[in-house]
Protein backbone atom coordinates (compact mmCIF):
# COMPACT_ATOMS: atom_id res chain seq x y z
CA MET A 1 -17.99 -19.29 -6.57
CA ALA A 2 -19.98 -16.04 -5.88
CA LEU A 3 -17.04 -14.04 -5.20
CA LEU A 4 -15.27 -14.94 -8.28
CA LYS A 5 -18.24 -14.45 -10.22
CA ARG A 6 -18.81 -10.61 -8.95
CA LEU A 7 -14.85 -10.47 -9.49
CA LEU A 8 -15.45 -11.11 -13.23
CA ILE A 9 -18.44 -9.05 -13.86
CA LEU A 10 -16.64 -5.99 -11.99
CA THR A 11 -13.48 -6.77 -14.07
CA PHE A 12 -15.14 -6.55 -17.10
CA CYS A 13 -16.99 -3.52 -16.00
CA PHE A 14 -13.89 -1.84 -14.90
CA VAL A 15 -12.07 -2.57 -18.37
CA LEU A 16 -15.18 -1.28 -20.15
CA TYR A 17 -15.12 1.80 -17.88
CA LEU A 18 -11.18 2.29 -19.14
CA TRP A 19 -11.90 1.92 -22.53
CA PHE A 20 -14.77 4.23 -22.54
CA GLY A 21 -12.72 6.66 -20.71
CA ALA A 22 -9.96 6.37 -23.44
CA LEU A 23 -12.24 6.65 -26.48
CA VAL A 24 -13.50 9.90 -24.70
CA PHE A 25 -10.39 11.52 -23.99
CA HIS A 26 -9.12 10.49 -27.51
CA LEU A 27 -11.76 12.25 -29.20
CA LEU A 28 -11.80 15.40 -26.98
CA GLU A 29 -7.93 15.90 -27.12
CA ALA A 30 -6.57 14.16 -30.19
CA ASP A 31 -8.02 17.10 -32.62
CA ASN A 32 -6.23 19.65 -30.17
CA GLU A 33 -2.83 18.00 -30.33
CA THR A 34 -2.66 17.84 -34.07
CA GLN A 35 -3.46 21.44 -34.39
CA VAL A 36 -0.72 22.25 -31.99
CA ARG A 37 1.52 20.01 -33.98
CA ASN A 38 0.65 21.35 -37.47
CA ASP A 39 1.07 25.13 -36.07
CA LEU A 40 4.30 24.08 -34.84
CA VAL A 41 5.43 22.67 -37.99
CA THR A 42 4.01 26.16 -39.65
CA PHE A 43 6.03 28.14 -37.39
CA PHE A 44 9.44 26.34 -37.71
CA THR A 45 8.98 26.23 -41.56
CA GLU A 46 8.45 30.04 -41.43
CA PHE A 47 11.06 30.45 -39.09
CA LYS A 48 13.79 28.68 -41.02
CA LYS A 49 12.43 30.98 -44.12
CA SER A 50 12.68 34.34 -42.11
CA HIS A 51 16.31 33.53 -40.60
CA THR A 52 18.45 31.97 -43.34
CA CYS A 53 21.42 32.75 -41.32
CA ILE A 54 20.39 30.05 -38.69
CA GLU A 55 21.35 26.55 -39.85
CA SER A 56 18.83 23.58 -39.22
CA GLY A 57 21.46 21.98 -36.91
CA GLU A 58 21.76 25.14 -34.65
CA LEU A 59 17.84 25.23 -34.55
CA LYS A 60 17.46 21.69 -33.67
CA GLU A 61 20.53 22.04 -30.99
CA LEU A 62 18.43 25.07 -29.57
CA ILE A 63 15.00 23.13 -29.45
CA LEU A 64 16.94 19.83 -27.76
CA GLU A 65 18.25 22.33 -24.99
CA VAL A 66 14.80 23.93 -24.75
CA ILE A 67 13.43 20.27 -24.07
CA THR A 68 16.09 19.22 -21.54
CA ALA A 69 15.29 22.47 -19.78
CA THR A 70 11.41 21.88 -19.73
CA GLU A 71 12.05 18.11 -18.61
CA ASN A 72 13.95 19.31 -15.44
CA GLY A 73 11.06 21.84 -14.68
CA VAL A 74 12.73 25.04 -16.19
CA PHE A 75 9.43 25.56 -18.43
CA HIS A 76 6.24 24.77 -17.34
CA ASP A 77 4.28 22.61 -19.74
CA LEU A 78 6.45 23.49 -22.77
CA LYS A 79 6.81 20.30 -25.02
CA TYR A 80 8.25 19.80 -28.56
CA ASP A 81 8.72 16.99 -30.51
CA LYS A 82 12.14 16.21 -31.21
CA ASP A 83 11.66 15.11 -34.65
CA VAL A 84 8.77 17.44 -35.56
CA ASN A 85 10.13 18.37 -39.14
CA SER A 86 11.09 14.97 -40.04
CA SER A 87 9.28 14.06 -43.14
CA LYS A 88 9.55 10.22 -41.96
CA LEU A 89 7.18 10.41 -38.88
CA ALA A 90 3.68 9.60 -38.87
CA PRO A 91 1.93 11.89 -36.65
CA SER A 92 -0.55 9.27 -35.44
CA GLU A 93 2.15 7.14 -34.21
CA TYR A 94 3.62 9.55 -31.96
CA MET A 95 0.40 11.25 -30.77
CA GLN A 96 0.46 11.83 -26.99
CA TRP A 97 -3.45 11.22 -27.09
CA ASP A 98 -3.95 8.24 -29.39
CA ILE A 99 -6.20 5.89 -28.23
CA PHE A 100 -3.68 3.73 -26.11
CA ASN A 101 -2.04 6.53 -24.39
CA SER A 102 -5.65 7.78 -23.66
CA PHE A 103 -6.17 4.33 -22.22
CA PHE A 104 -3.32 4.66 -19.62
CA PHE A 105 -4.18 8.31 -18.92
CA ALA A 106 -7.48 6.89 -17.94
CA SER A 107 -5.98 4.20 -15.63
CA THR A 108 -3.68 6.88 -13.99
CA VAL A 109 -6.95 8.97 -13.06
CA VAL A 110 -8.90 6.20 -11.52
CA THR A 111 -5.91 5.10 -9.62
CA THR A 112 -4.99 8.72 -8.46
CA ILE A 113 -1.43 8.35 -9.76
CA GLY A 114 -1.53 11.15 -12.00
CA TYR A 115 1.82 11.32 -13.33
CA GLY A 116 1.40 15.00 -14.77
CA ASN A 117 3.11 14.50 -17.97
CA LEU A 118 -0.16 14.24 -19.85
CA SER A 119 -3.22 16.11 -19.11
CA PRO A 120 -6.52 17.63 -20.85
CA LYS A 121 -5.98 20.94 -22.28
CA THR A 122 -9.54 21.55 -23.79
CA LEU A 123 -12.35 22.99 -21.65
CA TRP A 124 -14.50 19.80 -22.43
CA GLY A 125 -11.66 17.27 -21.49
CA ARG A 126 -11.10 18.79 -18.21
CA MET A 127 -15.02 18.86 -17.40
CA PHE A 128 -15.19 15.47 -18.31
CA CYS A 129 -11.97 14.34 -16.52
CA ILE A 130 -13.73 15.49 -13.11
CA LEU A 131 -16.94 13.41 -13.66
CA TYR A 132 -14.77 10.64 -14.81
CA ALA A 133 -12.77 10.63 -11.76
CA LEU A 134 -15.81 11.11 -9.42
CA ILE A 135 -16.99 7.90 -10.82
CA GLY A 136 -13.89 5.82 -11.60
CA ILE A 137 -12.29 6.42 -8.29
CA PRO A 138 -14.72 4.42 -6.03
CA LEU A 139 -15.14 2.07 -8.65
CA THR A 140 -11.50 1.33 -8.49
CA GLY A 141 -11.51 0.93 -4.62
CA TRP A 142 -14.36 -1.45 -5.22
CA VAL A 143 -12.33 -3.57 -7.72
CA LEU A 144 -8.86 -3.56 -5.57
CA ASN A 145 -11.26 -4.54 -2.63
CA VAL A 146 -12.69 -7.46 -4.15
CA ILE A 147 -9.23 -8.54 -5.39
CA GLY A 148 -7.97 -8.36 -2.35
CA LYS A 149 -10.80 -10.74 -0.87
CA CYS A 150 -9.90 -13.15 -3.46
CA PHE A 151 -6.23 -13.25 -2.54
CA VAL A 152 -6.25 -12.41 1.03
CA GLU A 153 -6.51 -15.91 2.40
CA LYS A 154 -3.60 -17.35 0.52
CA TRP A 155 -1.54 -14.27 1.63
CA LYS A 156 -2.64 -15.03 4.93
CA ARG A 157 -1.40 -18.60 4.70
CA LEU A 158 1.91 -17.50 3.34
CA THR A 159 2.61 -15.02 6.06
CA ASN A 160 1.58 -17.45 8.62
CA LEU A 161 4.12 -19.90 7.28
CA ILE A 162 6.80 -17.34 7.27
CA VAL A 163 5.77 -16.39 11.09
CA SER A 164 5.68 -20.24 12.07
CA ASN A 165 9.20 -20.85 10.28
CA PHE A 166 10.70 -17.90 12.20
CA SER A 167 9.09 -18.90 15.31
CA LEU A 168 11.32 -22.22 15.27
CA VAL A 169 14.38 -19.92 14.87
CA VAL A 170 13.70 -17.05 16.75
CA SER A 171 13.00 -17.44 20.58
CA SER A 172 11.90 -13.76 21.50
CA ASN A 173 8.45 -13.02 20.55
CA ARG A 174 9.61 -9.27 19.78
CA ALA A 175 12.23 -10.29 17.60
CA ARG A 176 10.37 -12.91 16.05
CA THR A 177 7.36 -10.37 15.08
CA PHE A 178 9.99 -8.02 13.84
CA THR A 179 11.87 -10.67 11.80
CA ALA A 180 8.36 -11.97 10.28
CA TYR A 181 7.28 -8.43 9.07
CA PHE A 182 10.70 -7.92 7.75
CA ALA A 183 10.50 -10.81 5.83
CA VAL A 184 6.86 -10.05 4.42
CA GLY A 185 8.07 -6.44 3.59
CA CYS A 186 10.97 -8.02 1.40
CA LEU A 187 8.70 -10.47 -0.25
CA MET A 188 6.08 -7.62 -1.25
CA TYR A 189 8.97 -5.40 -2.35
CA THR A 190 10.56 -8.04 -4.50
CA LEU A 191 6.98 -8.94 -6.18
CA THR A 192 6.00 -5.28 -6.57
CA ILE A 193 9.16 -3.37 -7.12
CA ILE A 194 12.34 -5.62 -7.97
CA LEU A 195 10.92 -7.91 -10.48
CA PRO A 196 9.21 -5.30 -12.59
CA SER A 197 12.29 -2.78 -12.17
CA LEU A 198 14.16 -5.54 -14.13
CA LEU A 199 11.35 -5.35 -16.85
CA PHE A 200 11.34 -1.58 -17.09
CA MET A 201 15.08 -1.52 -17.04
CA LEU A 202 15.15 -3.67 -20.34
CA ILE A 203 12.45 -1.76 -22.14
CA GLU A 204 13.06 1.75 -20.99
CA GLY A 205 17.10 1.74 -20.65
CA TRP A 206 16.71 3.02 -17.17
CA THR A 207 19.14 2.21 -14.29
CA PHE A 208 17.99 -0.32 -11.75
CA PHE A 209 17.55 2.62 -9.22
CA GLU A 210 15.87 4.60 -11.70
CA ALA A 211 13.27 1.75 -12.17
CA GLN A 212 12.64 1.27 -8.36
CA TYR A 213 11.93 4.77 -8.05
CA PHE A 214 9.15 4.76 -10.62
CA CYS A 215 7.64 1.51 -9.43
CA LEU A 216 7.59 3.13 -5.86
CA ILE A 217 6.44 6.56 -6.99
CA SER A 218 3.70 4.72 -9.15
CA LEU A 219 2.40 2.38 -6.35
CA THR A 220 2.29 5.00 -3.79
CA THR A 221 0.10 7.05 -6.05
CA ILE A 222 2.42 9.87 -5.59
CA GLY A 223 3.02 10.01 -9.35
CA PHE A 224 5.46 12.82 -9.76
CA GLY A 225 5.64 12.37 -13.50
CA ASP A 226 9.51 12.61 -14.22
CA TYR A 227 9.85 8.90 -15.07
CA VAL A 228 6.78 7.55 -17.12
CA ILE A 229 6.95 4.58 -19.23
CA CYS A 230 6.64 4.13 -23.10
CA ASN A 231 8.43 7.44 -23.99
CA ASN A 232 10.59 5.98 -26.20
CA PRO A 233 9.98 7.18 -29.97
CA LYS A 234 11.33 4.23 -31.26
CA MET A 235 8.67 2.05 -30.23
CA SER A 236 6.14 0.61 -32.79
CA VAL A 237 2.57 0.95 -32.31
CA VAL A 238 1.82 -2.66 -31.42
CA ILE A 239 4.76 -2.73 -28.99
CA ARG A 240 3.55 0.49 -27.38
CA ALA A 241 -0.31 -0.62 -27.19
CA THR A 242 0.92 -3.80 -25.61
CA TYR A 243 3.16 -2.17 -23.25
CA LYS A 244 0.50 0.37 -22.18
CA CYS A 245 -2.17 -2.34 -21.27
CA MET A 246 0.29 -4.46 -19.44
CA ALA A 247 1.40 -1.70 -17.34
CA VAL A 248 -1.97 -0.87 -16.68
CA VAL A 249 -2.54 -4.45 -15.38
CA TYR A 250 0.69 -4.19 -13.29
CA LEU A 251 -0.58 -0.79 -11.36
CA ILE A 252 -3.91 -2.67 -10.60
CA PHE A 253 -2.51 -5.82 -9.36
CA GLY A 254 0.65 -3.91 -7.73
CA LEU A 255 -1.91 -1.84 -5.69
CA SER A 256 -4.00 -4.82 -4.74
CA ILE A 257 -1.11 -6.39 -3.34
CA LEU A 258 -0.10 -3.58 -1.46
CA MET A 259 -3.64 -3.31 0.30
CA ILE A 260 -3.55 -6.94 0.82
CA THR A 261 0.00 -6.65 2.83
CA LEU A 262 -1.29 -3.67 4.70
CA LYS A 263 -4.46 -5.41 5.68
CA GLY A 264 -2.39 -8.72 6.58
CA ILE A 265 -0.25 -6.46 8.79
CA GLY A 266 -3.31 -4.88 10.50
CA ASP A 267 -4.75 -8.49 11.14
CA MET A 268 -1.34 -9.69 12.57
CA GLU A 269 -1.34 -6.69 14.64
CA THR A 270 -5.00 -7.39 15.91
CA LYS A 271 -4.27 -10.94 16.41
CA ASN A 272 -1.28 -9.96 18.60
CA ALA A 273 -3.34 -7.49 20.78
CA LYS A 274 -6.14 -10.07 21.18
CA THR A 275 -3.39 -12.76 22.21
CA PHE A 276 -1.92 -10.01 24.76
CA GLY A 277 -5.38 -9.51 25.94
CA ASN A 278 -6.26 -12.98 26.53
CA LEU A 279 -2.98 -13.59 28.42
CA SER A 280 -3.89 -10.44 30.50
CA GLN A 281 -7.13 -11.81 31.19
CA LYS A 282 -5.77 -15.35 32.14
CA LEU A 283 -2.95 -13.79 34.41
CA LYS A 284 -6.06 -11.62 35.90
CA GLN A 285 -8.12 -14.56 36.77
CA GLN A 286 -5.07 -16.55 38.24
CA VAL A 287 -4.17 -13.50 40.62
CA LEU A 288 -8.13 -13.26 41.53
CA ARG A 289 -8.09 -16.91 42.30
CA ALA A 290 -5.22 -16.67 44.37
CA SER A 291 -6.35 -13.80 46.17
CA ASP A 292 -9.49 -15.67 46.82
CA LYS A 293 -7.57 -18.57 48.14
CA PHE A 294 -5.72 -16.50 50.60
CA LYS A 295 -9.03 -14.73 51.62
CA GLN A 296 -10.43 -18.19 52.25
CA ARG A 297 -7.39 -19.48 54.20
CA ASP A 298 -7.56 -16.43 56.32
CA GLU A 299 -11.42 -16.87 57.03
CA ASP A 300 -10.61 -20.55 57.96
CA ASN A 301 -7.87 -19.86 60.42
CA ASN A 302 -10.08 -17.04 61.99
CA HIS A 303 -12.95 -19.84 62.39
CA ILE A 304 -10.32 -22.17 63.99
CA HIS A 305 -9.25 -19.72 66.52
CA ASP A 306 -12.77 -18.78 67.17
CA ASP A 307 -13.82 -22.54 67.68
CA THR A 308 -10.81 -22.92 69.86
CA ASN A 309 -11.61 -19.86 71.95
CA GLY A 310 -15.19 -21.23 72.36
CA ILE A 311 -13.62 -24.50 73.68
CA MET A 312 -11.48 -22.98 76.12
CA GLU A 313 -14.28 -20.65 77.61
CA SER A 314 -16.30 -23.83 78.13
CA LEU A 315 -13.94 -25.39 80.26
CA PRO A 316 -13.41 -24.78 83.97
CA SER A 317 -11.39 -21.66 84.97
CA SER A 318 -8.83 -24.04 86.75
CA TYR A 319 -8.47 -26.44 83.95
CA ARG A 320 -8.19 -23.55 81.45
CA SER A 321 -5.41 -21.97 83.28
CA THR A 322 -3.45 -25.33 83.25
CA ILE A 323 -3.44 -25.46 79.51
CA TYR A 324 -2.56 -21.54 78.83
CA ASN A 325 -1.22 -19.01 81.13
CA GLN A 326 -0.45 -15.49 79.34
CA THR A 327 2.24 -13.69 80.95
CA PRO A 328 1.95 -9.53 81.31
CA ASP A 329 3.71 -8.71 78.39
CA GLY A 330 1.19 -10.77 76.05
CA THR A 331 3.15 -14.10 75.58
CA THR A 332 1.24 -17.32 75.93
CA ILE A 333 2.69 -20.15 78.01
CA ILE A 334 1.58 -23.70 78.81
CA THR A 335 1.92 -24.58 82.42
CA ASP A 336 0.43 -27.84 84.32
CA GLN A 337 -1.53 -26.60 87.46
CA LEU A 338 -3.75 -29.83 87.77
């Protein structure tokens, strides 16, 4: 109960911290984005007035080619809105630094994913990002650790169940361990990669491989940024907001499951090491006991030999020679001289 209470308090503080970061990033970066957008619209308008020989379709084609080159890394940090001149667009709907995109960006900062498609451009935004990361990254690690403690016992029971079931089928210890680890890995991959990939395929229009690639790059906190969710301009504000929040939940719990799995594998290795150590200790004790028995048997034989020699020495020499007679080559024979 105390652990659950601590988890609820930490979760509330964590979410509150994310929204605090989202609000600050939004306030620091949104005005700069709006200014850049307006400057771009003004530039296009003046460019078309000065170059009447260029048709709007040709100019748009040029812009789209530049966008494609930018997305493939030919140009560095050069972004254009494909429909920047369209009067049907509402700038607030497609702003990169709206409150929900800022919320998603804050989550990528504290989870160290950092896709790179969105980053602060102002001095104050970058300074705040440094301070925000220094506090948010340890807080995120703390939250993930508590979440892991809440679910680690259930995860252990599940993995132990898998191991016990394979022990009935596979007789070799090494093969059973490998099969159990493989089964746990497949289960983790299904929960964290395959199932979310199916959802991303439907929403983003990616292939199954592209969706898996995004999930794996995200949960390993590599975050290249070549694939980022919620870049479809046709999404409404409500759908985009819900989608972003659910993506943050997925990243947090996905990282938690990954940590639990790695910890579970480590515990299994520790358990196997302890079992091997106990077996080695038992074998060592058995060898020592057997060695002690052999030593005791030798000592008893020596005592018997000494007692026999003492008895023989106490007998008369004539009678002693009757019982044992030793030949020159050291062989003892029994003779009768009585």
